[in-house]
PDB file of all heavy atoms in Angstrom:
ATOM      1  N   ASP A   1     116.351  93.069 110.910  1.00  0.00           N
ATOM      2  CA  ASP A   1     117.476  93.817 110.346  1.00  0.00           C
ATOM      3  C   ASP A   1     118.475  92.850 109.703  1.00  0.00           C
ATOM      4  O   ASP A   1     119.480  92.473 110.288  1.00  0.00           O
ATOM      5  CB  ASP A   1     118.152  94.647 111.441  1.00  0.00           C
ATOM      6  CG  ASP A   1     119.123  95.671 110.859  1.00  0.00           C
ATOM      7  OD1 ASP A   1     119.397  95.603 109.646  1.00  0.00           O
ATOM      8  OD2 ASP A   1     119.608  96.527 111.626  1.00  0.00           O
ATOM      9  N   TYR A   2     118.173  92.424 108.476  1.00  0.00           N
ATOM     10  CA  TYR A   2     119.065  91.549 107.733  1.00  0.00           C
ATOM     11  C   TYR A   2     120.379  92.274 107.437  1.00  0.00           C
ATOM     12  O   TYR A   2     121.453  91.680 107.454  1.00  0.00           O
ATOM     13  CB  TYR A   2     118.440  91.144 106.398  1.00  0.00           C
ATOM     14  CG  TYR A   2     117.264  90.204 106.449  1.00  0.00           C
ATOM     15  CD1 TYR A   2     116.081  90.539 107.086  1.00  0.00           C
ATOM     16  CD2 TYR A   2     117.318  88.977 105.801  1.00  0.00           C
ATOM     17  CE1 TYR A   2     114.992  89.678 107.093  1.00  0.00           C
ATOM     18  CE2 TYR A   2     116.240  88.105 105.798  1.00  0.00           C
ATOM     19  CZ  TYR A   2     115.075  88.466 106.444  1.00  0.00           C
ATOM     20  OH  TYR A   2     114.003  87.613 106.450  1.00  0.00           O
ATOM     21  N   ARG A   3     120.260  93.568 107.144  1.00  0.00           N
ATOM     22  CA  ARG A   3     121.424  94.317 106.661  1.00  0.00           C
ATOM     23  C   ARG A   3     122.533  94.394 107.704  1.00  0.00           C
ATOM     24  O   ARG A   3     123.702  94.134 107.404  1.00  0.00           O
ATOM     25  CB  ARG A   3     121.002  95.726 106.244  1.00  0.00           C
ATOM     26  CG  ARG A   3     122.123  96.548 105.609  1.00  0.00           C
ATOM     27  CD  ARG A   3     121.642  97.960 105.290  1.00  0.00           C
ATOM     28  NE  ARG A   3     120.472  97.936 104.412  1.00  0.00           N
ATOM     29  CZ  ARG A   3     119.709  98.996 104.169  1.00  0.00           C
ATOM     30  NH1 ARG A   3     119.969 100.143 104.775  1.00  0.00           N
ATOM     31  NH2 ARG A   3     118.696  98.913 103.349  1.00  0.00           N
ATOM     32  N   SER A   4     122.145  94.727 108.955  1.00  0.00           N
ATOM     33  CA  SER A   4     123.171  94.846 109.999  1.00  0.00           C
ATOM     34  C   SER A   4     123.844  93.506 110.263  1.00  0.00           C
ATOM     35  O   SER A   4     125.053  93.439 110.491  1.00  0.00           O
ATOM     36  CB  SER A   4     122.551  95.377 111.295  1.00  0.00           C
ATOM     37  OG  SER A   4     122.092  96.689 111.118  1.00  0.00           O
ATOM     38  N   LEU A   5     123.062  92.443 110.233  1.00  0.00           N
ATOM     39  CA  LEU A   5     123.655  91.123 110.448  1.00  0.00           C
ATOM     40  C   LEU A   5     124.564  90.750 109.288  1.00  0.00           C
ATOM     41  O   LEU A   5     125.639  90.165 109.483  1.00  0.00           O
ATOM     42  CB  LEU A   5     122.543  90.077 110.607  1.00  0.00           C
ATOM     43  CG  LEU A   5     122.981  88.678 111.028  1.00  0.00           C
ATOM     44  CD1 LEU A   5     123.792  88.702 112.319  1.00  0.00           C
ATOM     45  CD2 LEU A   5     121.769  87.757 111.191  1.00  0.00           C
ATOM     46  N   ALA A   6     124.179  91.115 108.082  1.00  0.00           N
ATOM     47  CA  ALA A   6     125.022  90.826 106.919  1.00  0.00           C
ATOM     48  C   ALA A   6     126.335  91.599 106.988  1.00  0.00           C
ATOM     49  O   ALA A   6     127.382  91.108 106.558  1.00  0.00           O
ATOM     50  CB  ALA A   6     124.273  91.174 105.636  1.00  0.00           C
ATOM     51  N   ASP A   7     126.298  92.817 107.560  1.00  0.00           N
ATOM     52  CA  ASP A   7     127.509  93.636 107.649  1.00  0.00           C
ATOM     53  C   ASP A   7     128.582  93.011 108.541  1.00  0.00           C
ATOM     54  O   ASP A   7     129.780  93.197 108.310  1.00  0.00           O
ATOM     55  CB  ASP A   7     127.163  95.036 108.170  1.00  0.00           C
ATOM     56  CG  ASP A   7     126.387  95.856 107.148  1.00  0.00           C
ATOM     57  OD1 ASP A   7     126.409  95.477 105.954  1.00  0.00           O
ATOM     58  OD2 ASP A   7     125.757  96.846 107.536  1.00  0.00           O
ATOM     59  N   ILE A   8     128.135  92.283 109.582  1.00  0.00           N
ATOM     60  CA  ILE A   8     129.120  91.680 110.488  1.00  0.00           C
ATOM     61  C   ILE A   8     129.330  90.199 110.197  1.00  0.00           C
ATOM     62  O   ILE A   8     130.132  89.540 110.854  1.00  0.00           O
ATOM     63  CB  ILE A   8     128.678  91.845 111.966  1.00  0.00           C
ATOM     64  CG1 ILE A   8     127.346  91.127 112.224  1.00  0.00           C
ATOM     65  CG2 ILE A   8     128.580  93.306 112.346  1.00  0.00           C
ATOM     66  CD1 ILE A   8     126.954  91.093 113.687  1.00  0.00           C
ATOM     67  N   HIS A   9     128.625  89.685 109.215  1.00  0.00           N
ATOM     68  CA  HIS A   9     128.717  88.275 108.867  1.00  0.00           C
ATOM     69  C   HIS A   9     129.879  88.062 107.905  1.00  0.00           C
ATOM     70  O   HIS A   9     130.169  88.915 107.066  1.00  0.00           O
ATOM     71  CB  HIS A   9     127.398  87.818 108.225  1.00  0.00           C
ATOM     72  CG  HIS A   9     127.047  86.386 108.481  1.00  0.00           C
ATOM     73  ND1 HIS A   9     127.470  85.379 107.669  1.00  0.00           N
ATOM     74  CD2 HIS A   9     126.321  85.808 109.470  1.00  0.00           C
ATOM     75  CE1 HIS A   9     126.999  84.230 108.145  1.00  0.00           C
ATOM     76  NE2 HIS A   9     126.299  84.474 109.236  1.00  0.00           N
ATOM     77  N   ASP A  10     130.518  86.885 108.007  1.00  0.00           N
ATOM     78  CA  ASP A  10     131.634  86.588 107.114  1.00  0.00           C
ATOM     79  C   ASP A  10     131.183  86.497 105.663  1.00  0.00           C
ATOM     80  O   ASP A  10     131.928  86.839 104.744  1.00  0.00           O
ATOM     81  CB  ASP A  10     132.296  85.267 107.530  1.00  0.00           C
ATOM     82  CG  ASP A  10     133.090  85.419 108.822  1.00  0.00           C
ATOM     83  OD1 ASP A  10     133.191  86.558 109.306  1.00  0.00           O
ATOM     84  OD2 ASP A  10     133.600  84.407 109.348  1.00  0.00           O
ATOM     85  N   GLU A  11     129.977  86.016 105.460  1.00  0.00           N
ATOM     86  CA  GLU A  11     129.437  85.902 104.101  1.00  0.00           C
ATOM     87  C   GLU A  11     127.911  85.959 104.197  1.00  0.00           C
ATOM     88  O   GLU A  11     127.347  85.909 105.280  1.00  0.00           O
ATOM     89  CB  GLU A  11     129.882  84.591 103.464  1.00  0.00           C
ATOM     90  CG  GLU A  11     129.575  83.361 104.307  1.00  0.00           C
ATOM     91  CD  GLU A  11     130.222  82.120 103.749  1.00  0.00           C
ATOM     92  OE1 GLU A  11     129.825  81.728 102.631  1.00  0.00           O
ATOM     93  OE2 GLU A  11     131.100  81.553 104.403  1.00  0.00           O
ATOM     94  N   LEU A  12     127.253  86.078 103.068  1.00  0.00           N
ATOM     95  CA  LEU A  12     125.798  86.106 103.078  1.00  0.00           C
ATOM     96  C   LEU A  12     125.256  84.775 103.598  1.00  0.00           C
ATOM     97  O   LEU A  12     125.867  83.728 103.406  1.00  0.00           O
ATOM     98  CB  LEU A  12     125.278  86.403 101.683  1.00  0.00           C
ATOM     99  CG  LEU A  12     125.564  87.839 101.200  1.00  0.00           C
ATOM    100  CD1 LEU A  12     125.239  87.974  99.727  1.00  0.00           C
ATOM    101  CD2 LEU A  12     124.774  88.843 102.008  1.00  0.00           C
ATOM    102  N   PHE A  13     124.117  84.837 104.244  1.00  0.00           N
ATOM    103  CA  PHE A  13     123.631  83.691 105.004  1.00  0.00           C
ATOM    104  C   PHE A  13     122.223  83.299 104.552  1.00  0.00           C
ATOM    105  O   PHE A  13     121.498  84.074 103.936  1.00  0.00           O
ATOM    106  CB  PHE A  13     123.600  84.031 106.498  1.00  0.00           C
ATOM    107  CG  PHE A  13     122.856  85.303 106.805  1.00  0.00           C
ATOM    108  CD1 PHE A  13     121.477  85.299 106.989  1.00  0.00           C
ATOM    109  CD2 PHE A  13     123.536  86.527 106.879  1.00  0.00           C
ATOM    110  CE1 PHE A  13     120.793  86.472 107.248  1.00  0.00           C
ATOM    111  CE2 PHE A  13     122.844  87.701 107.134  1.00  0.00           C
ATOM    112  CZ  PHE A  13     121.468  87.676 107.317  1.00  0.00           C
ATOM    113  N   TYR A  14     121.861  82.076 104.920  1.00  0.00           N
ATOM    114  CA  TYR A  14     120.496  81.604 104.765  1.00  0.00           C
ATOM    115  C   TYR A  14     119.776  81.754 106.106  1.00  0.00           C
ATOM    116  O   TYR A  14     120.385  81.593 107.164  1.00  0.00           O
ATOM    117  CB  TYR A  14     120.475  80.133 104.331  1.00  0.00           C
ATOM    118  CG  TYR A  14     120.929  79.929 102.907  1.00  0.00           C
ATOM    119  CD1 TYR A  14     122.284  79.811 102.588  1.00  0.00           C
ATOM    120  CD2 TYR A  14     120.007  79.851 101.866  1.00  0.00           C
ATOM    121  CE1 TYR A  14     122.704  79.617 101.279  1.00  0.00           C
ATOM    122  CE2 TYR A  14     120.416  79.663 100.552  1.00  0.00           C
ATOM    123  CZ  TYR A  14     121.767  79.553 100.273  1.00  0.00           C
ATOM    124  OH  TYR A  14     122.173  79.377  98.967  1.00  0.00           O
ATOM    125  N   VAL A  15     118.476  82.064 106.045  1.00  0.00           N
ATOM    126  CA  VAL A  15     117.736  82.300 107.274  1.00  0.00           C
ATOM    127  C   VAL A  15     116.351  81.662 107.164  1.00  0.00           C
ATOM    128  O   VAL A  15     115.779  81.580 106.071  1.00  0.00           O
ATOM    129  CB  VAL A  15     117.611  83.813 107.561  1.00  0.00           C
ATOM    130  CG1 VAL A  15     116.814  84.515 106.468  1.00  0.00           C
ATOM    131  CG2 VAL A  15     117.010  84.079 108.929  1.00  0.00           C
ATOM    132  N   SER A  16     115.832  81.198 108.290  1.00  0.00           N
ATOM    133  CA  SER A  16     114.600  80.399 108.309  1.00  0.00           C
ATOM    134  C   SER A  16     113.342  81.258 108.301  1.00  0.00           C
ATOM    135  O   SER A  16     112.417  81.037 109.086  1.00  0.00           O
ATOM    136  CB  SER A  16     114.593  79.494 109.547  1.00  0.00           C
ATOM    137  OG  SER A  16     114.698  80.282 110.729  1.00  0.00           O
ATOM    138  N   GLN A  17     113.277  82.223 107.401  1.00  0.00           N
ATOM    139  CA  GLN A  17     112.078  83.056 107.297  1.00  0.00           C
ATOM    140  C   GLN A  17     112.109  83.849 106.003  1.00  0.00           C
ATOM    141  O   GLN A  17     113.152  83.931 105.332  1.00  0.00           O
ATOM    142  CB  GLN A  17     111.975  84.011 108.481  1.00  0.00           C
ATOM    143  CG  GLN A  17     113.078  85.064 108.536  1.00  0.00           C
ATOM    144  CD  GLN A  17     112.959  85.950 109.759  1.00  0.00           C
ATOM    145  OE1 GLN A  17     113.144  85.505 110.873  1.00  0.00           O
ATOM    146  NE2 GLN A  17     112.636  87.208 109.535  1.00  0.00           N
ATOM    147  N   PHE A  18     110.968  84.435 105.662  1.00  0.00           N
ATOM    148  CA  PHE A  18     110.849  85.295 104.491  1.00  0.00           C
ATOM    149  C   PHE A  18     110.422  86.689 104.938  1.00  0.00           C
ATOM    150  O   PHE A  18     109.659  86.834 105.907  1.00  0.00           O
ATOM    151  CB  PHE A  18     109.812  84.737 103.511  1.00  0.00           C
ATOM    152  CG  PHE A  18     110.343  83.678 102.595  1.00  0.00           C
ATOM    153  CD1 PHE A  18     110.568  82.393 103.068  1.00  0.00           C
ATOM    154  CD2 PHE A  18     110.651  83.962 101.278  1.00  0.00           C
ATOM    155  CE1 PHE A  18     111.065  81.405 102.247  1.00  0.00           C
ATOM    156  CE2 PHE A  18     111.158  82.984 100.425  1.00  0.00           C
ATOM    157  CZ  PHE A  18     111.364  81.698 100.906  1.00  0.00           C
ATOM    158  N   PRO A  19     110.894  87.725 104.259  1.00  0.00           N
ATOM    159  CA  PRO A  19     110.418  89.076 104.587  1.00  0.00           C
ATOM    160  C   PRO A  19     108.903  89.169 104.415  1.00  0.00           C
ATOM    161  O   PRO A  19     108.319  88.563 103.505  1.00  0.00           O
ATOM    162  CB  PRO A  19     111.145  89.965 103.555  1.00  0.00           C
ATOM    163  CG  PRO A  19     112.321  89.162 103.098  1.00  0.00           C
ATOM    164  CD  PRO A  19     111.888  87.731 103.169  1.00  0.00           C
ATOM    165  N   SER A  20     108.275  89.902 105.325  1.00  0.00           N
ATOM    166  CA  SER A  20     106.828  90.164 105.276  1.00  0.00           C
ATOM    167  C   SER A  20     105.980  88.893 105.321  1.00  0.00           C
ATOM    168  O   SER A  20     104.839  88.892 104.842  1.00  0.00           O
ATOM    169  CB  SER A  20     106.454  90.989 104.030  1.00  0.00           C
ATOM    170  OG  SER A  20     106.977  92.286 104.121  1.00  0.00           O
ATOM    171  N   GLU A  21     106.523  87.832 105.910  1.00  0.00           N
ATOM    172  CA  GLU A  21     105.726  86.605 105.998  1.00  0.00           C
ATOM    173  C   GLU A  21     104.595  86.741 107.022  1.00  0.00           C
ATOM    174  O   GLU A  21     103.769  85.830 107.175  1.00  0.00           O
ATOM    175  CB  GLU A  21     106.612  85.406 106.349  1.00  0.00           C
ATOM    176  CG  GLU A  21     107.274  85.494 107.704  1.00  0.00           C
ATOM    177  CD  GLU A  21     108.305  84.389 107.936  1.00  0.00           C
ATOM    178  OE1 GLU A  21     108.477  83.527 107.059  1.00  0.00           O
ATOM    179  OE2 GLU A  21     108.946  84.399 109.008  1.00  0.00           O
ATOM    180  N   GLN A  22     104.519  87.890 107.690  1.00  0.00           N
ATOM    181  CA  GLN A  22     103.388  88.112 108.600  1.00  0.00           C
ATOM    182  C   GLN A  22     102.057  88.073 107.859  1.00  0.00           C
ATOM    183  O   GLN A  22     101.010  87.867 108.471  1.00  0.00           O
ATOM    184  CB  GLN A  22     103.523  89.437 109.350  1.00  0.00           C
ATOM    185  CG  GLN A  22     103.381  90.679 108.506  1.00  0.00           C
ATOM    186  CD  GLN A  22     104.718  91.192 108.016  1.00  0.00           C
ATOM    187  OE1 GLN A  22     105.724  90.502 108.134  1.00  0.00           O
ATOM    188  NE2 GLN A  22     104.744  92.411 107.493  1.00  0.00           N
ATOM    189  N   VAL A  23     102.073  88.261 106.526  1.00  0.00           N
ATOM    190  CA  VAL A  23     100.818  88.180 105.781  1.00  0.00           C
ATOM    191  C   VAL A  23     100.240  86.767 105.821  1.00  0.00           C
ATOM    192  O   VAL A  23      99.048  86.573 105.548  1.00  0.00           O
ATOM    193  CB  VAL A  23     100.989  88.638 104.312  1.00  0.00           C
ATOM    194  CG1 VAL A  23     101.431  90.093 104.256  1.00  0.00           C
ATOM    195  CG2 VAL A  23     101.948  87.735 103.551  1.00  0.00           C
ATOM    196  N   LEU A  24     101.068  85.793 106.172  1.00  0.00           N
ATOM    197  CA  LEU A  24     100.606  84.422 106.321  1.00  0.00           C
ATOM    198  C   LEU A  24     100.330  84.054 107.770  1.00  0.00           C
ATOM    199  O   LEU A  24      99.361  83.358 108.074  1.00  0.00           O
ATOM    200  CB  LEU A  24     101.641  83.438 105.752  1.00  0.00           C
ATOM    201  CG  LEU A  24     101.799  83.393 104.238  1.00  0.00           C
ATOM    202  CD1 LEU A  24     103.035  82.585 103.861  1.00  0.00           C
ATOM    203  CD2 LEU A  24     100.563  82.772 103.598  1.00  0.00           C
ATOM    204  N   ILE A  25     101.185  84.514 108.676  1.00  0.00           N
ATOM    205  CA  ILE A  25     101.137  83.994 110.039  1.00  0.00           C
ATOM    206  C   ILE A  25     100.291  84.852 110.988  1.00  0.00           C
ATOM    207  O   ILE A  25     100.000  84.406 112.097  1.00  0.00           O
ATOM    208  CB  ILE A  25     102.555  83.809 110.607  1.00  0.00           C
ATOM    209  CG1 ILE A  25     103.326  85.124 110.639  1.00  0.00           C
ATOM    210  CG2 ILE A  25     103.313  82.780 109.805  1.00  0.00           C
ATOM    211  CD1 ILE A  25     104.745  84.993 111.185  1.00  0.00           C
ATOM    212  N   ASN A  26      99.899  86.064 110.578  1.00  0.00           N
ATOM    213  CA  ASN A  26      98.942  86.849 111.356  1.00  0.00           C
ATOM    214  C   ASN A  26      97.545  86.560 110.827  1.00  0.00           C
ATOM    215  O   ASN A  26      97.279  86.685 109.628  1.00  0.00           O
ATOM    216  CB  ASN A  26      99.248  88.348 111.256  1.00  0.00           C
ATOM    217  CG  ASN A  26     100.421  88.738 112.136  1.00  0.00           C
ATOM    218  OD1 ASN A  26     101.248  87.904 112.497  1.00  0.00           O
ATOM    219  ND2 ASN A  26     100.504  89.998 112.469  1.00  0.00           N
ATOM    220  N   LYS A  27      96.633  86.212 111.712  1.00  0.00           N
ATOM    221  CA  LYS A  27      95.335  85.688 111.278  1.00  0.00           C
ATOM    222  C   LYS A  27      94.514  86.716 110.513  1.00  0.00           C
ATOM    223  O   LYS A  27      93.744  86.349 109.617  1.00  0.00           O
ATOM    224  CB  LYS A  27      94.575  85.169 112.491  1.00  0.00           C
ATOM    225  CG  LYS A  27      95.281  83.994 113.179  1.00  0.00           C
ATOM    226  CD  LYS A  27      94.554  83.555 114.423  1.00  0.00           C
ATOM    227  CE  LYS A  27      95.321  82.470 115.163  1.00  0.00           C
ATOM    228  NZ  LYS A  27      96.596  82.939 115.731  1.00  0.00           N
ATOM    229  N   ASP A  28      94.632  87.990 110.867  1.00  0.00           N
ATOM    230  CA  ASP A  28      93.872  88.994 110.128  1.00  0.00           C
ATOM    231  C   ASP A  28      94.398  89.155 108.707  1.00  0.00           C
ATOM    232  O   ASP A  28      93.636  89.265 107.750  1.00  0.00           O
ATOM    233  CB  ASP A  28      93.890  90.336 110.876  1.00  0.00           C
ATOM    234  CG  ASP A  28      95.297  90.876 111.081  1.00  0.00           C
ATOM    235  OD1 ASP A  28      96.228  90.076 111.304  1.00  0.00           O
ATOM    236  OD2 ASP A  28      95.478  92.113 111.027  1.00  0.00           O
ATOM    237  N   LEU A  29      95.729  89.140 108.573  1.00  0.00           N
ATOM    238  CA  LEU A  29      96.326  89.311 107.250  1.00  0.00           C
ATOM    239  C   LEU A  29      96.145  88.059 106.396  1.00  0.00           C
ATOM    240  O   LEU A  29      95.977  88.152 105.172  1.00  0.00           O
ATOM    241  CB  LEU A  29      97.814  89.651 107.383  1.00  0.00           C
ATOM    242  CG  LEU A  29      98.143  90.915 108.184  1.00  0.00           C
ATOM    243  CD1 LEU A  29      99.635  91.203 108.131  1.00  0.00           C
ATOM    244  CD2 LEU A  29      97.351  92.120 107.676  1.00  0.00           C
ATOM    245  N   LEU A  30      96.184  86.892 107.024  1.00  0.00           N
ATOM    246  CA  LEU A  30      95.962  85.645 106.278  1.00  0.00           C
ATOM    247  C   LEU A  30      94.607  85.669 105.592  1.00  0.00           C
ATOM    248  O   LEU A  30      94.482  85.258 104.432  1.00  0.00           O
ATOM    249  CB  LEU A  30      96.070  84.444 107.221  1.00  0.00           C
ATOM    250  CG  LEU A  30      95.745  83.086 106.601  1.00  0.00           C
ATOM    251  CD1 LEU A  30      96.767  82.718 105.533  1.00  0.00           C
ATOM    252  CD2 LEU A  30      95.684  81.994 107.668  1.00  0.00           C
ATOM    253  N   ALA A  31      93.591  86.143 106.296  1.00  0.00           N
ATOM    254  CA  ALA A  31      92.247  86.200 105.690  1.00  0.00           C
ATOM    255  C   ALA A  31      92.241  87.138 104.488  1.00  0.00           C
ATOM    256  O   ALA A  31      91.626  86.831 103.454  1.00  0.00           O
ATOM    257  CB  ALA A  31      91.230  86.651 106.731  1.00  0.00           C
ATOM    258  N   ILE A  32      92.926  88.269 104.614  1.00  0.00           N
ATOM    259  CA  ILE A  32      93.002  89.217 103.494  1.00  0.00           C
ATOM    260  C   ILE A  32      93.682  88.564 102.298  1.00  0.00           C
ATOM    261  O   ILE A  32      93.212  88.658 101.155  1.00  0.00           O
ATOM    262  CB  ILE A  32      93.764  90.490 103.926  1.00  0.00           C
ATOM    263  CG1 ILE A  32      92.981  91.235 105.007  1.00  0.00           C
ATOM    264  CG2 ILE A  32      94.029  91.390 102.724  1.00  0.00           C
ATOM    265  CD1 ILE A  32      93.769  92.332 105.685  1.00  0.00           C
ATOM    266  N   VAL A  33      94.799  87.889 102.559  1.00  0.00           N
ATOM    267  CA  VAL A  33      95.545  87.207 101.502  1.00  0.00           C
ATOM    268  C   VAL A  33      94.677  86.154 100.821  1.00  0.00           C
ATOM    269  O   VAL A  33      94.606  86.067  99.589  1.00  0.00           O
ATOM    270  CB  VAL A  33      96.825  86.563 102.089  1.00  0.00           C
ATOM    271  CG1 VAL A  33      97.370  85.481 101.164  1.00  0.00           C
ATOM    272  CG2 VAL A  33      97.884  87.624 102.335  1.00  0.00           C
ATOM    273  N   CYS A  34      94.000  85.344 101.628  1.00  0.00           N
ATOM    274  CA  CYS A  34      93.213  84.249 101.062  1.00  0.00           C
ATOM    275  C   CYS A  34      92.041  84.743 100.223  1.00  0.00           C
ATOM    276  O   CYS A  34      91.661  84.095  99.232  1.00  0.00           O
ATOM    277  CB  CYS A  34      92.719  83.340 102.184  1.00  0.00           C
ATOM    278  SG  CYS A  34      94.034  82.388 102.991  1.00  0.00           S
ATOM    279  N   ARG A  35      91.469  85.888 100.590  1.00  0.00           N
ATOM    280  CA  ARG A  35      90.346  86.415  99.805  1.00  0.00           C
ATOM    281  C   ARG A  35      90.764  86.784  98.390  1.00  0.00           C
ATOM    282  O   ARG A  35      89.914  86.917  97.497  1.00  0.00           O
ATOM    283  CB  ARG A  35      89.713  87.618 100.521  1.00  0.00           C
ATOM    284  CG  ARG A  35      88.861  87.216 101.720  1.00  0.00           C
ATOM    285  CD  ARG A  35      87.910  88.323 102.134  1.00  0.00           C
ATOM    286  NE  ARG A  35      88.591  89.486 102.674  1.00  0.00           N
ATOM    287  CZ  ARG A  35      88.839  89.688 103.972  1.00  0.00           C
ATOM    288  NH1 ARG A  35      88.478  88.775 104.874  1.00  0.00           N
ATOM    289  NH2 ARG A  35      89.441  90.783 104.378  1.00  0.00           N
ATOM    290  N   ARG A  36      92.069  86.960  98.165  1.00  0.00           N
ATOM    291  CA  ARG A  36      92.542  87.235  96.808  1.00  0.00           C
ATOM    292  C   ARG A  36      92.302  86.052  95.877  1.00  0.00           C
ATOM    293  O   ARG A  36      92.339  86.201  94.646  1.00  0.00           O
ATOM    294  CB  ARG A  36      94.036  87.574  96.829  1.00  0.00           C
ATOM    295  CG  ARG A  36      94.364  88.847  97.577  1.00  0.00           C
ATOM    296  CD  ARG A  36      95.860  89.019  97.771  1.00  0.00           C
ATOM    297  NE  ARG A  36      96.165  90.171  98.619  1.00  0.00           N
ATOM    298  CZ  ARG A  36      97.351  90.394  99.194  1.00  0.00           C
ATOM    299  NH1 ARG A  36      98.344  89.542  98.999  1.00  0.00           N
ATOM    300  NH2 ARG A  36      97.532  91.454  99.955  1.00  0.00           N
ATOM    301  N   SER A  37      92.070  84.866  96.444  1.00  0.00           N
ATOM    302  CA  SER A  37      91.815  83.675  95.628  1.00  0.00           C
ATOM    303  C   SER A  37      90.371  83.577  95.187  1.00  0.00           C
ATOM    304  O   SER A  37      90.022  82.675  94.419  1.00  0.00           O
ATOM    305  CB  SER A  37      92.183  82.415  96.421  1.00  0.00           C
ATOM    306  OG  SER A  37      93.561  82.374  96.702  1.00  0.00           O
ATOM    307  N   CYS A  38      89.535  84.468  95.680  1.00  0.00           N
ATOM    308  CA  CYS A  38      88.104  84.407  95.362  1.00  0.00           C
ATOM    309  C   CYS A  38      87.855  85.038  94.000  1.00  0.00           C
ATOM    310  O   CYS A  38      88.195  86.201  93.773  1.00  0.00           O
ATOM    311  CB  CYS A  38      87.303  85.125  96.438  1.00  0.00           C
ATOM    312  SG  CYS A  38      85.529  84.908  96.255  1.00  0.00           S
ATOM    313  N   GLU A  39      87.248  84.286  93.104  1.00  0.00           N
ATOM    314  CA  GLU A  39      87.033  84.774  91.744  1.00  0.00           C
ATOM    315  C   GLU A  39      85.837  85.709  91.644  1.00  0.00           C
ATOM    316  O   GLU A  39      85.820  86.630  90.838  1.00  0.00           O
ATOM    317  CB  GLU A  39      86.855  83.585  90.794  1.00  0.00           C
ATOM    318  CG  GLU A  39      88.113  82.722  90.698  1.00  0.00           C
ATOM    319  CD  GLU A  39      87.911  81.523  89.798  1.00  0.00           C
ATOM    320  OE1 GLU A  39      86.781  81.343  89.295  1.00  0.00           O
ATOM    321  OE2 GLU A  39      88.877  80.768  89.596  1.00  0.00           O
ATOM    322  N   ASP A  40      84.824  85.469  92.449  1.00  0.00           N
ATOM    323  CA  ASP A  40      83.601  86.286  92.355  1.00  0.00           C
ATOM    324  C   ASP A  40      83.110  86.591  93.763  1.00  0.00           C
ATOM    325  O   ASP A  40      82.192  85.948  94.272  1.00  0.00           O
ATOM    326  CB  ASP A  40      82.526  85.543  91.551  1.00  0.00           C
ATOM    327  CG  ASP A  40      81.325  86.447  91.257  1.00  0.00           C
ATOM    328  OD1 ASP A  40      81.369  87.631  91.642  1.00  0.00           O
ATOM    329  OD2 ASP A  40      80.363  85.959  90.648  1.00  0.00           O
ATOM    330  N   LEU A  41      83.741  87.559  94.398  1.00  0.00           N
ATOM    331  CA  LEU A  41      83.434  87.881  95.791  1.00  0.00           C
ATOM    332  C   LEU A  41      82.002  88.380  95.944  1.00  0.00           C
ATOM    333  O   LEU A  41      81.321  88.055  96.907  1.00  0.00           O
ATOM    334  CB  LEU A  41      84.423  88.934  96.311  1.00  0.00           C
ATOM    335  CG  LEU A  41      84.335  89.305  97.780  1.00  0.00           C
ATOM    336  CD1 LEU A  41      84.547  88.089  98.657  1.00  0.00           C
ATOM    337  CD2 LEU A  41      85.343  90.391  98.123  1.00  0.00           C
ATOM    338  N   ASP A  42      81.503  89.156  94.980  1.00  0.00           N
ATOM    339  CA  ASP A  42      80.172  89.755  95.112  1.00  0.00           C
ATOM    340  C   ASP A  42      79.080  88.701  95.214  1.00  0.00           C
ATOM    341  O   ASP A  42      78.148  88.825  96.020  1.00  0.00           O
ATOM    342  CB  ASP A  42      79.882  90.681  93.932  1.00  0.00           C
ATOM    343  CG  ASP A  42      80.727  91.948  93.993  1.00  0.00           C
ATOM    344  OD1 ASP A  42      81.172  92.284  95.103  1.00  0.00           O
ATOM    345  OD2 ASP A  42      80.937  92.573  92.955  1.00  0.00           O
ATOM    346  N   SER A  43      79.176  87.637  94.390  1.00  0.00           N
ATOM    347  CA  SER A  43      78.110  86.629  94.414  1.00  0.00           C
ATOM    348  C   SER A  43      78.067  85.923  95.758  1.00  0.00           C
ATOM    349  O   SER A  43      76.994  85.594  96.264  1.00  0.00           O
ATOM    350  CB  SER A  43      78.320  85.610  93.286  1.00  0.00           C
ATOM    351  OG  SER A  43      79.523  84.877  93.509  1.00  0.00           O
ATOM    352  N   ASN A  44      79.216  85.686  96.349  1.00  0.00           N
ATOM    353  CA  ASN A  44      79.241  85.024  97.651  1.00  0.00           C
ATOM    354  C   ASN A  44      78.731  85.945  98.755  1.00  0.00           C
ATOM    355  O   ASN A  44      78.109  85.505  99.713  1.00  0.00           O
ATOM    356  CB  ASN A  44      80.656  84.542  97.975  1.00  0.00           C
ATOM    357  CG  ASN A  44      81.035  83.316  97.173  1.00  0.00           C
ATOM    358  OD1 ASN A  44      81.292  83.407  95.985  1.00  0.00           O
ATOM    359  ND2 ASN A  44      81.048  82.163  97.813  1.00  0.00           N
TER     360      ASN A  44
END
């Protein structure tokens, strides 16, 4: 909840994460993401 924290914060802040970064750090989603780099999935 970035929004609620921003509402009580004196100013906008920097934070050590990116929204939806679970696509990288969850192993099932990482595999899905990486397969997007495959140019010819059928041949493999």
